[in-house]
């Protein structure tokens, strides 16, 4: 989508945001579809509950 890293401290200006959105497609429908596909891709890569590290004791310990 953009070459800009997500952890940039400076907020994006309107021109930069408009440019990033226009890169997603020619129409609003195309852009929404691109975002939906990106979100689906992220969801597929989420770890399951069994794959998450435990940060506290077991549920039985309270």
C-alpha atoms as a PDB file:
ATOM      1  CA  UNK A   1       0.000   0.000   0.000  1.00  0.00           C
ATOM      2  CA  UNK A   2       2.674   2.484   0.970  1.00  0.00           C
ATOM      3  CA  UNK A   3       6.387   2.535   1.638  1.00  0.00           C
ATOM      4  CA  UNK A   4       5.862   4.443   4.866  1.00  0.00           C
ATOM      5  CA  UNK A   5       6.416   2.413   8.058  1.00  0.00           C
ATOM      6  CA  UNK A   6       3.453   2.054  10.422  1.00  0.00           C
ATOM      7  CA  UNK A   7       5.413   3.332  13.419  1.00  0.00           C
ATOM      8  CA  UNK A   8       6.009   6.820  12.006  1.00  0.00           C
ATOM      9  CA  UNK A   9       5.509   9.454  14.692  1.00  0.00           C
ATOM     10  CA  UNK A  10       4.309  12.165  12.292  1.00  0.00           C
ATOM     11  CA  UNK A  11       0.605  11.971  11.375  1.00  0.00           C
ATOM     12  CA  UNK A  12      -0.257  11.607   7.706  1.00  0.00           C
ATOM     13  CA  UNK A  13      -1.576  14.673   5.917  1.00  0.00           C
ATOM     14  CA  UNK A  14      -4.661  14.668   3.690  1.00  0.00           C
ATOM     15  CA  UNK A  15      -2.646  14.400   0.459  1.00  0.00           C
ATOM     16  CA  UNK A  16      -0.706  11.386   1.722  1.00  0.00           C
ATOM     17  CA  UNK A  17      -3.886   9.642   2.854  1.00  0.00           C
ATOM     18  CA  UNK A  18      -5.637  10.383  -0.451  1.00  0.00           C
ATOM     19  CA  UNK A  19      -2.661   8.929  -2.307  1.00  0.00           C
ATOM     20  CA  UNK A  20      -2.659   5.787  -0.196  1.00  0.00           C
ATOM     21  CA  UNK A  21      -6.389   5.264  -0.723  1.00  0.00           C
ATOM     22  CA  UNK A  22      -6.197   5.865  -4.476  1.00  0.00           C
ATOM     23  CA  UNK A  23      -3.560   3.119  -4.711  1.00  0.00           C
ATOM     24  CA  UNK A  24      -6.170   0.604  -3.528  1.00  0.00           C
ATOM     25  CA  UNK A  25      -8.334   0.831  -6.648  1.00  0.00           C
ATOM     26  CA  UNK A  26     -10.144   3.000  -9.163  1.00  0.00           C
ATOM     27  CA  UNK A  27     -13.594   2.988  -7.542  1.00  0.00           C
ATOM     28  CA  UNK A  28     -14.898   3.017  -3.989  1.00  0.00           C
ATOM     29  CA  UNK A  29     -16.073  -0.571  -4.498  1.00  0.00           C
ATOM     30  CA  UNK A  30     -12.582  -1.634  -5.611  1.00  0.00           C
ATOM     31  CA  UNK A  31     -11.044   0.089  -2.591  1.00  0.00           C
ATOM     32  CA  UNK A  32     -13.475  -1.525  -0.156  1.00  0.00           C
ATOM     33  CA  UNK A  33     -12.814  -4.936  -1.709  1.00  0.00           C
ATOM     34  CA  UNK A  34      -9.051  -4.418  -1.338  1.00  0.00           C
ATOM     35  CA  UNK A  35      -9.468  -3.540   2.345  1.00  0.00           C
ATOM     36  CA  UNK A  36     -11.759  -6.555   2.898  1.00  0.00           C
ATOM     37  CA  UNK A  37      -9.205  -8.887   1.304  1.00  0.00           C
ATOM     38  CA  UNK A  38      -6.423  -7.391   3.417  1.00  0.00           C
ATOM     39  CA  UNK A  39      -8.481  -7.837   6.593  1.00  0.00           C
ATOM     40  CA  UNK A  40      -9.334 -11.437   5.654  1.00  0.00           C
ATOM     41  CA  UNK A  41      -5.640 -12.119   5.121  1.00  0.00           C
ATOM     42  CA  UNK A  42      -4.804 -10.730   8.553  1.00  0.00           C
ATOM     43  CA  UNK A  43      -7.548 -12.785  10.185  1.00  0.00           C
ATOM     44  CA  UNK A  44      -6.221 -15.976   8.586  1.00  0.00           C
ATOM     45  CA  UNK A  45      -2.800 -15.314  10.129  1.00  0.00           C
ATOM     46  CA  UNK A  46      -4.061 -14.729  13.667  1.00  0.00           C
ATOM     47  CA  UNK A  47      -2.888 -17.405  16.075  1.00  0.00           C
ATOM     48  CA  UNK A  48      -5.512 -19.648  17.599  1.00  0.00           C
ATOM     49  CA  UNK A  49      -6.090 -19.605  21.349  1.00  0.00           C
ATOM     50  CA  UNK A  50      -3.965 -22.753  21.625  1.00  0.00           C
ATOM     51  CA  UNK A  51      -1.025 -20.981  19.977  1.00  0.00           C
ATOM     52  CA  UNK A  52      -1.029 -17.917  22.242  1.00  0.00           C
ATOM     53  CA  UNK A  53       1.534 -17.820  25.051  1.00  0.00           C
ATOM     54  CA  UNK A  54       0.180 -17.889  28.567  1.00  0.00           C
ATOM     55  CA  UNK A  55       1.039 -14.812  30.592  1.00  0.00           C
ATOM     56  CA  UNK A  56      -0.598 -15.929  33.818  1.00  0.00           C
ATOM     57  CA  UNK A  57      -1.115 -19.173  35.657  1.00  0.00           C
ATOM     58  CA  UNK A  58      -3.589 -21.763  34.520  1.00  0.00           C
ATOM     59  CA  UNK A  59      -7.323 -20.989  34.822  1.00  0.00           C
ATOM     60  CA  UNK A  60      -7.588 -23.481  37.667  1.00  0.00           C
ATOM     61  CA  UNK A  61      -5.197 -21.394  39.758  1.00  0.00           C
ATOM     62  CA  UNK A  62      -7.408 -18.290  39.505  1.00  0.00           C
END
